[in-house]
């Protein structure tokens, strides 16, 4: 994987990759775990060719970006919104995968957003309901409980657990060089990537209270979900429409998130 040059946004300190004209409409793309901003580069190139300015920050706590004041979902959402607002005065489009998606679901409730796209992770309340009612989903998400342990998860992530998770979750085989780059970045960023998960339970109940406090958003939102997602099953999206009051649509993709889609629509695509 070729080395990419990062820019720095002074207000938040987040480091980011960029493609496209600086004066073009802004799209901010948020990566999840275990991943890095470089995963967005093919999408960024297509967005730039279509006339957008595409930026992908290293998420708070992922090198070279600094750690946030706290890892609760509201603080992370405010950081991301402040990042985008500092790059463009007009409302921007926010796209998030995995933790980036969870943060996007919160950001749409209080940010200057024109539209949003979430990948793989439905609304947090819908996901939590799935954990509580679907034993298979609870089993798939067991790594979240493992990440609560002291010390052992850090050692596992330094010794190949990232590669194991990629093999477990990815519908196809990811490029080896990309996985190597992800492993190196996460090792360098520890314990930041784990702090996202630990903040869900420390203090106990805060994540749930934050999720319950998310008010339905009027921001147009598109949710993309792989039909064969091995981390969060498509059924985990069931019922999330109750958390949106603006235009929204859920599309199920045949395979991974870059494949041809089959959609279940609620309203026109944003």
Protein backbone atom coordinates (compact mmCIF):
# COMPACT_ATOMS: atom_id res chain seq x y z
CA UNK A 1 0.00 0.00 0.00
CA UNK A 2 1.40 3.39 -1.00
CA UNK A 3 1.97 5.99 1.72
CA UNK A 4 -0.63 8.76 1.82
CA UNK A 5 -0.02 12.32 2.95
CA UNK A 6 -2.35 13.49 5.71
CA UNK A 7 -3.62 17.03 6.26
CA UNK A 8 -4.51 18.38 9.70
CA UNK A 9 -7.71 20.21 10.65
CA UNK A 10 -6.67 22.69 13.39
CA UNK A 11 -9.96 22.93 15.31
CA UNK A 12 -10.22 19.23 16.16
CA UNK A 13 -6.66 18.13 15.41
CA UNK A 14 -7.97 15.30 13.23
CA UNK A 15 -5.67 14.16 10.43
CA UNK A 16 -7.35 13.38 7.14
CA UNK A 17 -6.93 12.27 3.53
CA UNK A 18 -8.46 14.35 0.78
CA UNK A 19 -9.49 14.06 -2.86
CA UNK A 20 -11.24 16.59 -5.09
CA UNK A 21 -11.53 20.36 -5.40
CA UNK A 22 -11.44 22.21 -2.07
CA UNK A 23 -14.35 24.39 -3.24
CA UNK A 24 -16.58 21.42 -4.15
CA UNK A 25 -19.43 20.14 -1.94
CA UNK A 26 -18.02 18.22 1.01
CA UNK A 27 -18.42 14.51 1.81
CA UNK A 28 -16.84 13.27 5.07
CA UNK A 29 -16.18 9.52 5.27
CA UNK A 30 -15.69 7.82 8.64
CA UNK A 31 -13.96 4.46 9.00
CA UNK A 32 -14.71 1.89 11.68
CA UNK A 33 -12.90 -0.96 13.40
CA UNK A 34 -10.66 -2.58 12.40
CA UNK A 35 -9.87 -0.22 9.55
CA UNK A 36 -8.14 2.99 8.47
CA UNK A 37 -8.99 5.99 6.23
CA UNK A 38 -7.14 4.47 3.27
CA UNK A 39 -10.00 1.98 2.89
CA UNK A 40 -12.08 4.86 1.54
CA UNK A 41 -9.64 5.85 -1.23
CA UNK A 42 -11.47 4.11 -4.13
CA UNK A 43 -14.73 5.75 -3.03
CA UNK A 44 -12.99 9.10 -2.61
CA UNK A 45 -11.61 8.93 -6.15
CA UNK A 46 -15.10 8.30 -7.54
CA UNK A 47 -16.59 11.11 -5.47
CA UNK A 48 -13.90 13.51 -6.65
CA UNK A 49 -14.55 12.52 -10.27
CA UNK A 50 -18.24 13.23 -9.67
CA UNK A 51 -17.49 16.77 -8.47
CA UNK A 52 -17.25 16.37 -4.70
CA UNK A 53 -14.56 17.11 -2.14
CA UNK A 54 -14.06 13.83 -0.28
CA UNK A 55 -12.20 13.72 3.04
CA UNK A 56 -11.57 10.74 5.30
CA UNK A 57 -10.22 11.45 8.78
CA UNK A 58 -8.31 9.08 10.99
CA UNK A 59 -10.92 8.69 13.69
CA UNK A 60 -10.20 10.12 17.16
CA UNK A 61 -7.76 7.84 18.94
CA UNK A 62 -6.42 6.36 15.70
CA UNK A 63 -2.95 7.60 14.76
CA UNK A 64 -2.09 10.16 13.62
CA UNK A 65 -5.25 11.82 15.01
CA UNK A 66 -5.28 12.65 18.75
CA UNK A 67 -7.47 10.98 21.35
CA UNK A 68 -10.80 12.69 22.05
CA UNK A 69 -11.73 14.12 25.48
CA UNK A 70 -13.97 11.06 25.91
CA UNK A 71 -15.05 8.09 23.79
CA UNK A 72 -18.80 8.25 24.41
CA UNK A 73 -20.81 8.41 21.21
CA UNK A 74 -22.03 11.98 21.76
CA UNK A 75 -18.50 13.37 22.21
CA UNK A 76 -17.30 11.50 19.11
CA UNK A 77 -20.26 12.78 17.08
CA UNK A 78 -19.64 16.37 18.14
CA UNK A 79 -15.97 16.02 17.21
CA UNK A 80 -16.82 14.73 13.74
CA UNK A 81 -19.44 17.46 13.16
CA UNK A 82 -16.98 20.14 14.26
CA UNK A 83 -14.41 18.65 11.88
CA UNK A 84 -16.73 18.83 8.88
CA UNK A 85 -18.08 22.27 9.77
CA UNK A 86 -14.54 23.63 9.92
CA UNK A 87 -13.89 22.45 6.36
CA UNK A 88 -17.13 23.79 4.86
CA UNK A 89 -19.67 26.33 6.13
CA UNK A 90 -22.56 24.78 4.21
CA UNK A 91 -24.18 21.53 5.41
CA UNK A 92 -22.14 18.51 4.31
CA UNK A 93 -22.74 14.82 3.66
CA UNK A 94 -21.57 12.35 6.31
CA UNK A 95 -20.82 8.71 5.45
CA UNK A 96 -19.90 6.19 8.12
CA UNK A 97 -19.02 2.51 8.31
CA UNK A 98 -19.10 0.42 11.51
CA UNK A 99 -18.24 2.80 14.40
CA UNK A 100 -18.37 5.57 11.82
CA UNK A 101 -21.99 4.57 11.18
CA UNK A 102 -22.90 4.52 14.88
CA UNK A 103 -21.42 8.00 15.24
CA UNK A 104 -23.26 9.18 12.12
CA UNK A 105 -26.58 8.05 13.62
CA UNK A 106 -25.92 10.41 16.53
CA UNK A 107 -24.44 13.22 14.43
CA UNK A 108 -27.57 13.59 12.31
CA UNK A 109 -29.49 14.65 15.42
CA UNK A 110 -27.48 17.81 16.02
CA UNK A 111 -25.12 18.52 13.13
CA UNK A 112 -25.25 20.77 10.04
CA UNK A 113 -25.70 17.81 7.69
CA UNK A 114 -27.23 17.78 4.21
CA UNK A 115 -27.57 13.98 4.13
CA UNK A 116 -26.04 10.87 5.65
CA UNK A 117 -25.13 7.31 4.66
CA UNK A 118 -24.53 4.52 7.17
CA UNK A 119 -22.95 1.17 6.32
CA UNK A 120 -23.32 -2.11 8.24
CA UNK A 121 -24.41 -0.70 11.62
CA UNK A 122 -28.10 0.21 12.04
CA UNK A 123 -29.41 2.74 14.54
CA UNK A 124 -27.82 1.98 17.95
CA UNK A 125 -31.18 1.29 19.63
CA UNK A 126 -32.07 -1.17 16.88
CA UNK A 127 -28.71 -2.87 17.24
CA UNK A 128 -29.03 -3.11 21.03
CA UNK A 129 -32.49 -4.63 20.62
CA UNK A 130 -31.01 -7.22 18.28
CA UNK A 131 -28.34 -8.10 20.84
CA UNK A 132 -31.02 -8.60 23.47
CA UNK A 133 -33.36 -10.73 21.34
CA UNK A 134 -31.17 -12.64 18.87
CA UNK A 135 -28.73 -15.20 20.40
CA UNK A 136 -26.94 -15.54 17.05
CA UNK A 137 -26.22 -11.81 16.94
CA UNK A 138 -25.06 -11.87 20.55
CA UNK A 139 -22.63 -14.64 19.59
CA UNK A 140 -21.34 -12.68 16.59
CA UNK A 141 -20.79 -9.65 18.84
CA UNK A 142 -19.01 -11.58 21.61
CA UNK A 143 -15.75 -9.79 20.77
CA UNK A 144 -17.25 -6.67 22.36
CA UNK A 145 -17.32 -8.46 25.71
CA UNK A 146 -13.76 -9.69 25.17
CA UNK A 147 -12.64 -6.09 24.59
CA UNK A 148 -13.77 -5.18 28.12
CA UNK A 149 -11.00 -7.27 29.67
CA UNK A 150 -7.85 -5.50 30.89
CA UNK A 151 -4.66 -6.09 28.91
CA UNK A 152 -5.59 -9.28 27.05
CA UNK A 153 -7.35 -7.56 24.10
CA UNK A 154 -4.30 -5.33 23.55
CA UNK A 155 -2.06 -8.38 23.41
CA UNK A 156 -4.44 -10.15 21.04
CA UNK A 157 -4.57 -7.17 18.67
CA UNK A 158 -0.77 -7.05 18.60
CA UNK A 159 -0.59 -10.78 17.78
CA UNK A 160 -2.91 -11.27 14.81
CA UNK A 161 -6.47 -10.78 16.11
CA UNK A 162 -7.05 -8.03 13.53
CA UNK A 163 -6.32 -10.50 10.74
CA UNK A 164 -8.62 -13.05 12.39
CA UNK A 165 -11.49 -10.55 12.55
CA UNK A 166 -11.02 -9.60 8.90
CA UNK A 167 -11.14 -13.27 7.91
CA UNK A 168 -14.25 -13.81 10.06
CA UNK A 169 -16.22 -10.79 8.88
CA UNK A 170 -15.22 -10.03 5.30
CA UNK A 171 -17.43 -11.65 2.61
CA UNK A 172 -14.36 -11.73 0.34
CA UNK A 173 -10.63 -11.81 0.85
CA UNK A 174 -9.21 -8.34 1.65
CA UNK A 175 -5.92 -7.26 0.04
CA UNK A 176 -3.06 -8.50 2.27
CA UNK A 177 -1.24 -5.17 2.14
CA UNK A 178 -4.32 -3.37 3.40
CA UNK A 179 -4.71 -5.74 6.33
CA UNK A 180 -1.02 -5.30 7.17
CA UNK A 181 -1.50 -1.52 7.17
CA UNK A 182 -4.57 -1.85 9.40
CA UNK A 183 -2.69 -4.08 11.84
CA UNK A 184 0.20 -1.63 12.04
CA UNK A 185 -2.06 1.39 12.60
CA UNK A 186 -4.11 -0.30 15.32
CA UNK A 187 -0.99 -1.49 17.13
CA UNK A 188 0.35 2.07 17.06
CA UNK A 189 -2.99 3.49 18.23
CA UNK A 190 -3.73 1.25 21.21
CA UNK A 191 -5.63 1.56 23.46
CA UNK A 192 -7.65 4.08 21.38
CA UNK A 193 -9.47 1.59 19.10
CA UNK A 194 -10.52 -0.45 22.14
CA UNK A 195 -11.72 2.63 24.01
CA UNK A 196 -14.73 2.91 21.67
CA UNK A 197 -16.00 -0.45 22.96
CA UNK A 198 -15.05 0.10 26.57
CA UNK A 199 -16.95 3.40 26.64
CA UNK A 200 -20.13 1.42 25.87
CA UNK A 201 -20.00 -0.11 29.36
CA UNK A 202 -17.90 2.29 31.39
CA UNK A 203 -19.76 3.73 33.17
CA UNK A 204 -22.42 1.07 32.81
CA UNK A 205 -25.51 2.29 30.99
CA UNK A 206 -24.08 5.51 29.53
CA UNK A 207 -24.11 4.19 25.96
CA UNK A 208 -27.73 3.12 26.35
CA UNK A 209 -28.71 6.49 27.81
CA UNK A 210 -26.97 8.27 24.94
CA UNK A 211 -28.73 6.04 22.42
CA UNK A 212 -32.14 6.60 24.03
CA UNK A 213 -31.50 10.34 24.00
CA UNK A 214 -31.01 10.36 20.22
CA UNK A 215 -34.04 12.16 18.85
CA UNK A 216 -35.45 11.16 15.44
CA UNK A 217 -33.68 13.10 12.72
CA UNK A 218 -35.06 14.86 9.65
CA UNK A 219 -31.73 14.51 7.81
CA UNK A 220 -32.14 12.27 4.70
CA UNK A 221 -30.42 8.97 5.47
CA UNK A 222 -29.48 5.93 3.39
CA UNK A 223 -28.47 2.71 5.17
CA UNK A 224 -26.49 0.07 3.25
CA UNK A 225 -26.19 -3.47 4.58
CA UNK A 226 -24.62 -6.57 3.06
CA UNK A 227 -26.98 -9.53 2.75
CA UNK A 228 -24.15 -11.81 3.86
CA UNK A 229 -22.68 -9.56 6.56
CA UNK A 230 -20.91 -11.85 9.01
CA UNK A 231 -20.63 -9.32 11.83
CA UNK A 232 -24.10 -7.74 12.02
CA UNK A 233 -26.85 -9.73 10.33
CA UNK A 234 -29.28 -7.92 8.01
CA UNK A 235 -32.12 -8.74 10.41
CA UNK A 236 -30.55 -6.37 12.95
CA UNK A 237 -31.86 -3.46 10.86
CA UNK A 238 -35.49 -4.48 11.43
CA UNK A 239 -37.51 -1.64 12.94
CA UNK A 240 -34.90 1.09 12.64
CA UNK A 241 -37.27 3.20 10.53
CA UNK A 242 -39.01 4.31 13.74
CA UNK A 243 -35.90 6.35 14.57
CA UNK A 244 -36.09 8.52 11.43
CA UNK A 245 -38.60 11.22 10.60
CA UNK A 246 -36.93 12.43 7.39
CA UNK A 247 -36.47 10.59 4.08
CA UNK A 248 -34.74 7.28 4.67
CA UNK A 249 -34.04 4.04 2.85
CA UNK A 250 -32.43 0.71 3.69
CA UNK A 251 -30.70 -1.16 0.86
CA UNK A 252 -29.54 -4.74 1.18
CA UNK A 253 -26.53 -5.49 -0.98
CA UNK A 254 -25.76 -8.83 -2.60
CA UNK A 255 -22.56 -9.57 -0.71
CA UNK A 256 -20.42 -6.73 0.56
CA UNK A 257 -21.07 -3.02 0.53
CA UNK A 258 -19.64 -2.50 -2.94
CA UNK A 259 -21.88 -5.04 -4.71
CA UNK A 260 -25.09 -4.63 -6.64
CA UNK A 261 -27.94 -3.72 -4.30
CA UNK A 262 -31.44 -4.97 -3.64
CA UNK A 263 -33.44 -2.42 -1.71
CA UNK A 264 -36.17 -2.22 0.85
CA UNK A 265 -37.34 1.36 0.63
CA UNK A 266 -39.20 3.53 3.11
CA UNK A 267 -38.77 6.88 1.38
CA UNK A 268 -36.80 8.31 -1.55
CA UNK A 269 -33.03 7.99 -1.41
CA UNK A 270 -31.34 11.13 -0.02
